[in-house]
């Protein structure tokens, strides 16, 4: 019998988090029968893979582990997508966890929507701050893909569960060897999905605030080449699977340009910062930015702008 839901969990250096992540996937025996958890050990050097392997031993009908050489986050997700057998698929990073998985299973039993959207909770490990996002006005109703309910931030992997046959033909979908490879999922449903349905229970718990996380400014500065690579991946996908860059995709690309614009001034080396800025300007479309930072950029010589923004960050 086909599993109802596949959950892909990449594992790399998450000793402190993996048990909480995988414990959140344990359901009653009847629900567990409908669940496939694919743990992808991405060559982790710590004890994470041994900890996750215990779940395979205890729940062999639902959990399986694939061991591979380190290839990065996108590589692990590509392996999970290729191996998935469930009707639906969702991705779960191993320092995060799920809530209300039983409610998701219940809803998946009665829907054929291409994308199922649920709420997410962001939890800051350092400050304890909690925020709930991706709440929808219309819940439990099948809606067409052009509905305004499913634009913007709701189209991300934290909030979305996808029909597996929507993504499998796109394999390998994720860029490998770079960070922020999940960016592609912001536009995939726009081109490939026909129907959506939303529910306002929190499913995904996204942990932020831990050292070295890819959302920190310090890490983003190091990952600027990856951000550019993902930008071009989005453009290439839009050209290959759609009719080029339309209004929705342009909004996504604009957000990516804005993200780069925010990070580039913090590059310590001025000449490297200028080179990155020139690359960004060659992409066009910066005029939509209306912020104090952009006004400073337009008024000040770039060397002074670069110095001021760096000082702002350090204070």
Foldseek 3Di string as FASTA:
>chain_A
DFAAEEEEEEDAPPVVQQVQAVVLVDDPPVNLLNAAYEYEDQQHPDCNVVVLVVVCVVRVNHYDYHYDHHWDDLVSVLVSLQPHRHQKYAYAYRNKHWDPVVVVSVLSVPDDFFKEFEKAWEAEPPPRDIDIDLAFPDAPDKDFPPDPRCADPRQFRQGIMGRSVQCNVCPVVFDIPAPPRRLLSNCSCVQRGTIYHYDYDHTIYHYDNDPPDCPDLVNVLVRVVRLVVNLVSNQVCCVVRHVGQDDRSVVSSQVSLVVSVLRLLQNPDPVVSVVSVVVSVVVDDPVVDDDPLVVCVVPDDVVVSSVVSNVVVVD
